[in-house]
């Protein structure tokens, strides 16, 4: 079991109180954020160089590489990411020499209470006040860099108040959160490209043509240098190693620790961002150490031990991934295909999703890999997809599907089945489900 304490009652009560300041969980816009930051004496203007990261998939992994590389080079790195998996403290990492630490409950309560007091009861979303807390917290602690992940979209996201970051990074864009960002790749990419600032370098992953057109148009409007994968810089895989090349030269590096072919692309995006930002001095050895040591939980994470693992089949594999949209499912399925080529095992997918997701598009990625789906709901989470709807989506794809009362029950069901080879199990469909799994397994992020 982890020795991390549970969130304190005081912090839990404070989060509940802040959640009631706005009737909606999401209400995109910058006016409330700008008002609060002014009252806090603009902590966002007192930060070290900021790298701002938007996109649909791969944001968190890219930030994990950025942090690990910078820390390997000796820099102190503050990090703000969302959502958290088990404890809200995961969203706030404070830079230290030798590696950062998650903020403790006492300091997080003090920071959030300062923001609450400055807000003076006016309407504001929870994520907005959490973002303001990140700026306030980071401004009070010396560091050399800030890594800032967009919460939703970009243009109207509460993180988009940094006037001149060191770099703007856009990871792969795909269809997600259509109710807020639009139903086309072009409209969604336009929202993501809203983080581009005048004259600030933009580092962009490979995109579908319509997404790329929107990003290129915004970069031209802002006269921002654009560094695109496959054009300004290149990533290759040779003999299992990562080969990065741009106009400044070539680096032959070890493979990323995080599993999956897409992680080579995420690592390349991080390398390109640090080289384009030109705010840091980083040796090749630090790039390699960073991509080898980067950690990012619930992204093709193998669970090796824990309370849930003990419920599963003896000798089996249990993998956890928080993917929840079509593109996230595609890269997870590709990673499973790589595993199958190495060691063949029957695959069972335990899936739980939120009701606003496209279950059919997500599950279609696994139709050629498994015919066995076990549907579960996400515990203690409003807006979870019903079992009937999830099962109907699987049946429409010709997949064998059943339901279970929860992940624990699903693992017991699998353990009771007779397999010639112990199976490979993937638990997926939602970061909220992934957080539940890590907590129940006793292995929350540290």
Protein backbone atom coordinates (compact mmCIF):
# COMPACT_ATOMS: atom_id res chain seq x y z
CA UNK A 1 0.00 0.00 0.00
CA UNK A 2 1.07 3.60 -0.61
CA UNK A 3 2.06 5.66 2.41
CA UNK A 4 0.42 8.73 0.90
CA UNK A 5 -2.27 10.07 3.21
CA UNK A 6 -5.81 10.48 1.97
CA UNK A 7 -6.91 14.02 1.23
CA UNK A 8 -7.55 15.74 4.54
CA UNK A 9 -11.14 16.47 5.57
CA UNK A 10 -10.33 20.19 5.56
CA UNK A 11 -9.12 20.05 1.95
CA UNK A 12 -12.10 17.94 0.94
CA UNK A 13 -14.53 20.39 2.55
CA UNK A 14 -12.78 23.32 0.88
CA UNK A 15 -13.00 21.72 -2.58
CA UNK A 16 -16.70 21.02 -2.02
CA UNK A 17 -17.26 24.66 -1.02
CA UNK A 18 -15.37 25.99 -4.05
CA UNK A 19 -17.36 23.68 -6.33
CA UNK A 20 -20.51 25.57 -5.37
CA UNK A 21 -19.28 28.96 -6.58
CA UNK A 22 -20.52 28.33 -10.13
CA UNK A 23 -23.58 26.37 -11.30
CA UNK A 24 -21.60 24.69 -14.11
CA UNK A 25 -18.56 22.47 -13.89
CA UNK A 26 -17.31 23.90 -17.20
CA UNK A 27 -17.91 27.44 -18.44
CA UNK A 28 -15.15 28.46 -20.84
CA UNK A 29 -14.01 32.09 -20.70
CA UNK A 30 -11.22 34.25 -19.32
CA UNK A 31 -13.05 37.13 -17.64
CA UNK A 32 -13.47 35.48 -14.23
CA UNK A 33 -9.87 34.26 -14.30
CA UNK A 34 -8.48 37.69 -15.19
CA UNK A 35 -10.52 39.30 -12.42
CA UNK A 36 -9.21 36.89 -9.79
CA UNK A 37 -5.60 37.14 -10.93
CA UNK A 38 -5.76 40.92 -10.72
CA UNK A 39 -6.94 40.64 -7.12
CA UNK A 40 -4.06 38.25 -6.41
CA UNK A 41 -1.58 40.80 -7.81
CA UNK A 42 -0.98 38.82 -11.01
CA UNK A 43 1.06 35.82 -9.86
CA UNK A 44 1.03 34.53 -13.47
CA UNK A 45 3.41 37.40 -14.33
CA UNK A 46 5.93 36.34 -11.66
CA UNK A 47 6.76 32.89 -13.01
CA UNK A 48 9.93 31.47 -14.58
CA UNK A 49 9.75 30.46 -18.27
CA UNK A 50 6.47 28.68 -19.03
CA UNK A 51 5.91 25.90 -21.56
CA UNK A 52 2.18 25.77 -22.37
CA UNK A 53 0.84 22.44 -23.69
CA UNK A 54 -2.49 21.92 -25.49
CA UNK A 55 -3.90 19.04 -27.57
CA UNK A 56 -6.34 16.16 -27.31
CA UNK A 57 -4.07 13.18 -26.64
CA UNK A 58 -0.54 12.96 -25.31
CA UNK A 59 -0.44 16.23 -23.34
CA UNK A 60 0.31 14.56 -20.04
CA UNK A 61 2.94 12.20 -21.41
CA UNK A 62 4.65 15.08 -23.23
CA UNK A 63 4.76 17.05 -19.98
CA UNK A 64 6.17 14.00 -18.19
CA UNK A 65 9.05 13.93 -20.68
CA UNK A 66 9.55 17.69 -20.45
CA UNK A 67 9.77 17.50 -16.67
CA UNK A 68 12.07 14.47 -16.61
CA UNK A 69 14.45 15.99 -19.16
CA UNK A 70 14.60 19.36 -17.41
CA UNK A 71 15.13 17.73 -14.03
CA UNK A 72 17.88 15.53 -15.49
CA UNK A 73 19.55 18.75 -16.66
CA UNK A 74 19.45 20.08 -13.10
CA UNK A 75 16.46 22.45 -13.36
CA UNK A 76 13.70 22.95 -10.79
CA UNK A 77 10.34 22.44 -12.50
CA UNK A 78 6.85 23.42 -11.36
CA UNK A 79 4.06 21.43 -13.04
CA UNK A 80 0.30 21.97 -13.25
CA UNK A 81 -1.70 19.15 -14.86
CA UNK A 82 -5.28 17.91 -14.79
CA UNK A 83 -7.33 15.93 -14.05
CA UNK A 84 -5.91 14.10 -11.07
CA UNK A 85 -6.31 10.36 -10.67
CA UNK A 86 -6.62 9.85 -6.91
CA UNK A 87 -5.77 13.07 -5.03
CA UNK A 88 -6.00 16.69 -6.15
CA UNK A 89 -2.42 17.18 -4.92
CA UNK A 90 -1.26 15.37 -8.09
CA UNK A 91 -2.18 18.49 -10.10
CA UNK A 92 0.50 20.57 -8.35
CA UNK A 93 4.15 19.56 -8.47
CA UNK A 94 6.66 21.93 -6.88
CA UNK A 95 10.15 22.12 -8.36
CA UNK A 96 13.09 21.09 -6.22
CA UNK A 97 16.73 20.36 -6.93
CA UNK A 98 16.94 16.64 -7.57
CA UNK A 99 13.24 16.28 -8.45
CA UNK A 100 9.89 17.82 -7.60
CA UNK A 101 7.36 16.98 -4.91
CA UNK A 102 3.57 17.05 -4.83
CA UNK A 103 2.18 19.92 -2.78
CA UNK A 104 1.05 18.83 0.68
CA UNK A 105 -2.49 19.31 1.97
CA UNK A 106 -1.58 22.14 4.35
CA UNK A 107 0.00 24.37 1.71
CA UNK A 108 -2.66 23.57 -0.87
CA UNK A 109 -5.41 24.51 1.59
CA UNK A 110 -3.64 27.81 2.35
CA UNK A 111 -3.27 28.58 -1.36
CA UNK A 112 -6.87 27.75 -2.23
CA UNK A 113 -8.11 29.77 0.74
CA UNK A 114 -6.15 32.81 -0.47
CA UNK A 115 -7.82 32.44 -3.86
CA UNK A 116 -11.22 31.96 -2.24
CA UNK A 117 -10.77 35.10 -0.18
CA UNK A 118 -9.66 37.15 -3.18
CA UNK A 119 -12.59 35.87 -5.23
CA UNK A 120 -14.97 37.17 -2.53
CA UNK A 121 -17.82 34.79 -3.35
CA UNK A 122 -18.20 35.75 -7.01
CA UNK A 123 -19.09 33.10 -9.61
CA UNK A 124 -16.06 31.11 -10.74
CA UNK A 125 -15.59 27.49 -11.79
CA UNK A 126 -13.62 25.07 -9.68
CA UNK A 127 -11.00 24.60 -12.41
CA UNK A 128 -10.51 28.35 -12.70
CA UNK A 129 -9.84 28.73 -9.00
CA UNK A 130 -7.59 25.65 -9.07
CA UNK A 131 -5.61 27.22 -11.93
CA UNK A 132 -5.29 30.51 -10.08
CA UNK A 133 -4.04 28.52 -7.10
CA UNK A 134 -1.32 26.99 -9.28
CA UNK A 135 -0.08 30.42 -10.33
CA UNK A 136 -0.21 31.72 -6.75
CA UNK A 137 1.58 28.64 -5.42
CA UNK A 138 4.28 28.63 -8.10
CA UNK A 139 4.96 32.36 -7.73
CA UNK A 140 5.77 31.77 -4.05
CA UNK A 141 8.39 29.08 -4.72
CA UNK A 142 11.57 29.66 -6.74
CA UNK A 143 11.99 27.45 -9.80
CA UNK A 144 13.53 27.48 -13.26
CA UNK A 145 10.55 26.42 -15.38
CA UNK A 146 6.78 25.94 -15.30
CA UNK A 147 4.99 23.27 -17.31
CA UNK A 148 1.36 24.18 -17.81
CA UNK A 149 -1.25 21.80 -19.23
CA UNK A 150 -4.41 23.17 -20.83
CA UNK A 151 -7.54 21.85 -19.15
CA UNK A 152 -10.01 22.01 -22.05
CA UNK A 153 -9.52 23.49 -25.50
CA UNK A 154 -7.06 26.34 -25.30
CA UNK A 155 -8.35 29.70 -26.46
CA UNK A 156 -10.77 30.14 -23.55
CA UNK A 157 -9.12 27.77 -21.09
CA UNK A 158 -8.23 29.28 -17.73
CA UNK A 159 -4.53 28.52 -18.26
CA UNK A 160 -4.46 30.80 -21.33
CA UNK A 161 -3.56 33.94 -19.39
CA UNK A 162 0.22 33.59 -19.76
CA UNK A 163 1.11 36.56 -21.94
CA UNK A 164 4.41 35.29 -23.31
CA UNK A 165 5.35 31.66 -22.64
CA UNK A 166 8.72 30.28 -23.70
CA UNK A 167 6.95 27.87 -26.05
CA UNK A 168 3.46 26.76 -27.07
CA UNK A 169 3.12 23.02 -27.66
CA UNK A 170 0.25 21.28 -29.45
CA UNK A 171 0.00 17.50 -29.17
CA UNK A 172 -2.19 15.42 -31.55
CA UNK A 173 -5.69 16.87 -32.01
CA UNK A 174 -8.72 14.62 -32.40
CA UNK A 175 -12.46 14.72 -31.78
CA UNK A 176 -13.29 15.08 -28.08
CA UNK A 177 -15.38 17.44 -25.93
CA UNK A 178 -17.43 18.34 -29.01
CA UNK A 179 -20.11 19.93 -26.87
CA UNK A 180 -17.62 22.67 -25.96
CA UNK A 181 -15.16 22.77 -28.87
CA UNK A 182 -17.21 21.91 -31.96
CA UNK A 183 -17.85 18.83 -34.05
CA UNK A 184 -15.04 19.17 -36.61
CA UNK A 185 -11.29 18.76 -36.37
CA UNK A 186 -10.89 22.25 -37.78
CA UNK A 187 -13.01 23.87 -35.07
CA UNK A 188 -11.33 21.88 -32.30
CA UNK A 189 -7.85 22.64 -33.63
CA UNK A 190 -8.76 26.33 -33.87
CA UNK A 191 -9.59 26.28 -30.15
CA UNK A 192 -6.34 24.46 -29.33
CA UNK A 193 -4.34 26.92 -31.46
CA UNK A 194 -5.71 29.72 -29.30
CA UNK A 195 -2.71 29.28 -26.98
CA UNK A 196 -0.36 30.55 -29.72
CA UNK A 197 1.12 33.92 -28.74
CA UNK A 198 2.71 36.55 -30.94
CA UNK A 199 6.30 35.66 -31.81
CA UNK A 200 6.42 32.64 -29.46
CA UNK A 201 7.63 29.37 -31.03
CA UNK A 202 4.95 26.74 -31.64
CA UNK A 203 5.96 23.08 -31.54
CA UNK A 204 3.36 20.84 -33.13
CA UNK A 205 2.88 17.09 -33.43
CA UNK A 206 1.78 15.55 -36.71
CA UNK A 207 -1.88 16.40 -37.35
CA UNK A 208 -4.68 15.55 -39.74
CA UNK A 209 -4.69 18.05 -42.64
CA UNK A 210 -7.72 20.04 -41.45
CA UNK A 211 -6.26 20.37 -37.95
CA UNK A 212 -2.87 21.36 -39.32
CA UNK A 213 -4.45 24.03 -41.53
CA UNK A 214 -6.09 25.68 -38.51
CA UNK A 215 -2.86 25.64 -36.51
CA UNK A 216 -0.82 27.01 -39.41
CA UNK A 217 -3.32 29.82 -39.96
CA UNK A 218 -3.13 30.93 -36.33
CA UNK A 219 0.67 30.74 -36.30
CA UNK A 220 0.78 32.98 -39.38
CA UNK A 221 -1.61 35.48 -37.78
CA UNK A 222 0.56 35.63 -34.66
CA UNK A 223 3.84 35.55 -36.61
CA UNK A 224 4.87 32.64 -34.42
CA UNK A 225 7.66 30.33 -35.67
CA UNK A 226 6.09 26.92 -36.33
CA UNK A 227 8.07 23.70 -35.79
CA UNK A 228 6.09 20.73 -37.09
CA UNK A 229 6.87 17.03 -36.69
CA UNK A 230 8.01 15.55 -39.97
CA UNK A 231 9.02 18.98 -41.30
CA UNK A 232 11.12 21.02 -38.87
CA UNK A 233 12.08 17.98 -36.82
CA UNK A 234 11.89 14.24 -37.22
CA UNK A 235 11.49 11.19 -34.99
CA UNK A 236 12.51 7.69 -36.05
CA UNK A 237 12.78 4.29 -34.42
CA UNK A 238 15.94 2.41 -35.35
CA UNK A 239 16.90 -0.88 -33.69
CA UNK A 240 14.50 -0.08 -30.87
CA UNK A 241 16.12 3.30 -30.19
CA UNK A 242 14.72 6.82 -30.58
CA UNK A 243 16.46 8.88 -33.24
CA UNK A 244 15.70 12.61 -33.15
CA UNK A 245 16.86 15.02 -35.85
CA UNK A 246 16.44 18.71 -36.55
CA UNK A 247 18.51 21.48 -38.16
CA UNK A 248 20.83 21.49 -35.14
CA UNK A 249 21.78 17.84 -35.49
CA UNK A 250 20.89 14.24 -34.67
CA UNK A 251 20.54 12.46 -31.35
CA UNK A 252 20.52 8.67 -31.01
CA UNK A 253 18.73 7.98 -27.72
CA UNK A 254 17.43 5.02 -25.74
CA UNK A 255 13.77 4.07 -26.08
CA UNK A 256 11.22 5.77 -23.81
CA UNK A 257 10.33 4.00 -20.60
CA UNK A 258 6.62 4.63 -21.20
CA UNK A 259 5.19 1.87 -23.36
CA UNK A 260 3.81 2.20 -26.89
CA UNK A 261 4.99 3.48 -30.27
CA UNK A 262 3.13 6.75 -29.66
CA UNK A 263 5.47 7.45 -26.74
CA UNK A 264 8.35 7.90 -29.19
CA UNK A 265 6.29 10.69 -30.77
CA UNK A 266 5.44 12.26 -27.39
CA UNK A 267 9.11 12.16 -26.37
CA UNK A 268 10.07 13.75 -29.69
CA UNK A 269 7.54 16.53 -29.15
CA UNK A 270 9.08 17.27 -25.75
CA UNK A 271 12.62 17.30 -27.17
CA UNK A 272 11.57 19.61 -30.02
CA UNK A 273 9.85 21.96 -27.58
CA UNK A 274 12.90 22.33 -25.36
CA UNK A 275 15.20 22.91 -28.34
CA UNK A 276 12.83 25.48 -29.90
CA UNK A 277 12.20 27.30 -26.61
CA UNK A 278 15.92 28.04 -26.32
CA UNK A 279 15.49 28.98 -22.66
CA UNK A 280 17.46 26.04 -21.27
CA UNK A 281 20.89 24.47 -21.76
CA UNK A 282 20.43 20.71 -22.05
CA UNK A 283 23.05 18.10 -22.91
CA UNK A 284 22.27 14.94 -24.89
CA UNK A 285 22.76 12.87 -21.75
CA UNK A 286 19.92 14.75 -20.02
CA UNK A 287 17.59 14.19 -22.98
CA UNK A 288 18.29 10.47 -22.78
CA UNK A 289 17.98 10.28 -19.00
CA UNK A 290 14.67 12.13 -19.19
CA UNK A 291 12.98 9.93 -21.75
CA UNK A 292 14.24 6.78 -20.02
CA UNK A 293 13.06 7.85 -16.56
CA UNK A 294 9.80 9.68 -17.33
CA UNK A 295 6.75 8.36 -15.49
CA UNK A 296 3.09 9.05 -16.22
CA UNK A 297 0.55 6.81 -14.47
CA UNK A 298 -2.49 5.25 -16.17
CA UNK A 299 -1.00 5.49 -19.66
CA UNK A 300 -0.35 1.88 -20.68
CA UNK A 301 0.79 1.26 -17.13
CA UNK A 302 1.36 -2.32 -16.11
CA UNK A 303 0.11 -3.11 -12.63
CA UNK A 304 2.65 -5.49 -11.16
CA UNK A 305 1.25 -5.90 -7.66
CA UNK A 306 -1.51 -4.67 -5.40
CA UNK A 307 -4.93 -5.53 -4.01
CA UNK A 308 -6.63 -5.58 -7.42
CA UNK A 309 -3.85 -7.51 -9.08
CA UNK A 310 -4.37 -10.21 -6.45
CA UNK A 311 -7.98 -10.58 -7.69
CA UNK A 312 -6.87 -11.33 -11.26
CA UNK A 313 -5.73 -14.58 -12.89
CA UNK A 314 -2.46 -16.07 -11.72
CA UNK A 315 0.29 -15.41 -14.25
CA UNK A 316 -1.78 -12.89 -16.20
CA UNK A 317 -0.95 -9.31 -17.12
CA UNK A 318 -3.01 -6.30 -16.06
CA UNK A 319 -2.58 -3.03 -17.96
CA UNK A 320 -4.24 0.29 -17.17
CA UNK A 321 -4.87 3.10 -19.63
CA UNK A 322 -7.02 6.20 -19.24
CA UNK A 323 -7.78 6.54 -22.98
CA UNK A 324 -11.37 7.61 -23.65
CA UNK A 325 -11.68 8.82 -27.27
CA UNK A 326 -11.17 7.28 -30.70
CA UNK A 327 -7.55 8.39 -31.09
CA UNK A 328 -6.67 7.38 -27.54
CA UNK A 329 -8.14 3.96 -28.25
CA UNK A 330 -6.15 3.71 -31.47
CA UNK A 331 -2.75 4.23 -29.84
CA UNK A 332 -3.64 1.90 -26.96
CA UNK A 333 -4.71 -0.79 -29.41
CA UNK A 334 -1.45 -0.33 -31.31
CA UNK A 335 0.51 -0.79 -28.09
CA UNK A 336 -1.45 -3.97 -27.36
CA UNK A 337 -0.63 -5.18 -30.86
CA UNK A 338 3.06 -4.69 -30.09
CA UNK A 339 2.67 -6.68 -26.88
CA UNK A 340 0.91 -9.47 -28.77
CA UNK A 341 3.79 -9.71 -31.21
CA UNK A 342 6.22 -10.13 -28.32
CA UNK A 343 4.18 -12.53 -26.18
CA UNK A 344 0.84 -13.83 -27.43
CA UNK A 345 -1.97 -13.90 -24.86
CA UNK A 346 -5.76 -13.78 -25.05
CA UNK A 347 -6.95 -10.22 -24.42
CA UNK A 348 -9.86 -9.19 -22.21
CA UNK A 349 -10.88 -5.53 -22.03
CA UNK A 350 -12.60 -4.15 -18.91
CA UNK A 351 -14.14 -0.84 -19.90
CA UNK A 352 -16.04 1.96 -18.18
CA UNK A 353 -16.75 5.32 -19.80
CA UNK A 354 -18.40 8.66 -19.19
CA UNK A 355 -21.77 9.22 -20.86
CA UNK A 356 -20.49 12.11 -23.03
CA UNK A 357 -17.96 9.88 -24.82
CA UNK A 358 -18.31 7.99 -28.12
CA UNK A 359 -18.15 4.38 -26.97
CA UNK A 360 -18.50 2.89 -30.46
CA UNK A 361 -15.56 4.85 -31.89
CA UNK A 362 -13.42 4.00 -28.88
CA UNK A 363 -14.24 0.28 -28.76
CA UNK A 364 -13.89 -0.18 -32.52
CA UNK A 365 -10.12 -0.02 -32.04
CA UNK A 366 -10.20 -3.26 -30.04
CA UNK A 367 -12.60 -5.25 -32.22
CA UNK A 368 -9.76 -6.95 -34.07
CA UNK A 369 -7.83 -7.74 -30.90
CA UNK A 370 -10.47 -9.20 -28.61
CA UNK A 371 -14.04 -10.43 -28.68
CA UNK A 372 -14.36 -10.31 -24.90
CA UNK A 373 -15.45 -7.05 -23.28
CA UNK A 374 -16.55 -6.64 -19.67
CA UNK A 375 -18.49 -3.42 -19.09
CA UNK A 376 -18.42 -1.67 -15.72
CA UNK A 377 -19.64 1.64 -14.38
CA UNK A 378 -17.30 4.18 -12.80
CA UNK A 379 -17.81 4.25 -9.02
CA UNK A 380 -18.80 7.46 -7.25
CA UNK A 381 -18.87 9.51 -10.46
CA UNK A 382 -21.86 11.36 -11.86
CA UNK A 383 -22.38 11.11 -15.60
CA UNK A 384 -20.99 7.60 -16.05
CA UNK A 385 -22.21 5.71 -19.12
CA UNK A 386 -24.90 3.12 -18.42
CA UNK A 387 -24.01 -0.54 -18.77
CA UNK A 388 -26.77 -1.05 -21.34
CA UNK A 389 -25.43 1.68 -23.60
CA UNK A 390 -21.84 0.48 -23.30
CA UNK A 391 -22.83 -3.12 -23.96
CA UNK A 392 -24.96 -2.13 -26.98
CA UNK A 393 -21.94 -0.35 -28.49
CA UNK A 394 -19.81 -3.46 -28.08
CA UNK A 395 -22.49 -5.79 -29.49
CA UNK A 396 -22.90 -3.58 -32.55
CA UNK A 397 -19.20 -4.22 -33.27
CA UNK A 398 -19.68 -7.99 -33.01
CA UNK A 399 -17.87 -8.24 -29.71
CA UNK A 400 -18.76 -10.63 -26.92
CA UNK A 401 -19.72 -8.50 -23.95
CA UNK A 402 -20.89 -8.99 -20.41
CA UNK A 403 -21.16 -6.72 -17.41
CA UNK A 404 -19.76 -6.82 -13.91
CA UNK A 405 -20.54 -4.96 -10.71
CA UNK A 406 -17.09 -3.36 -10.81
CA UNK A 407 -13.46 -3.88 -11.74
CA UNK A 408 -12.89 -6.19 -8.80
CA UNK A 409 -15.80 -8.42 -9.83
CA UNK A 410 -14.63 -8.37 -13.46
CA UNK A 411 -11.15 -9.53 -12.45
CA UNK A 412 -12.62 -12.35 -10.36
CA UNK A 413 -14.74 -13.41 -13.34
CA UNK A 414 -11.68 -13.53 -15.60
CA UNK A 415 -9.68 -15.43 -12.97
CA UNK A 416 -12.40 -18.11 -12.89
CA UNK A 417 -12.25 -18.73 -16.66
CA UNK A 418 -10.12 -21.45 -18.19
CA UNK A 419 -7.39 -20.07 -20.45
CA UNK A 420 -4.65 -22.15 -22.04
CA UNK A 421 -2.37 -19.14 -21.50
CA UNK A 422 -2.97 -16.62 -18.69
CA UNK A 423 -4.71 -13.63 -20.28
CA UNK A 424 -3.68 -10.05 -20.85
CA UNK A 425 -6.22 -7.67 -19.28
CA UNK A 426 -6.68 -4.03 -20.23
CA UNK A 427 -8.67 -1.73 -17.95
CA UNK A 428 -9.59 1.40 -19.91
CA UNK A 429 -12.16 3.96 -21.02
CA UNK A 430 -11.74 6.81 -18.55
CA UNK A 431 -9.16 8.56 -16.39
CA UNK A 432 -11.78 8.53 -13.64
CA UNK A 433 -11.92 4.74 -13.85
CA UNK A 434 -8.12 4.63 -13.90
CA UNK A 435 -8.00 6.71 -10.73
CA UNK A 436 -10.42 4.35 -9.02
CA UNK A 437 -8.27 1.38 -10.05
CA UNK A 438 -5.04 2.91 -8.74
CA UNK A 439 -6.68 3.79 -5.44
CA UNK A 440 -8.31 0.37 -5.02
CA UNK A 441 -5.04 -1.35 -5.95
CA UNK A 442 -3.18 0.64 -3.31
CA UNK A 443 -0.82 2.19 -5.85
CA UNK A 444 -1.83 5.88 -6.20
CA UNK A 445 0.55 8.30 -7.98
CA UNK A 446 3.34 9.49 -5.72
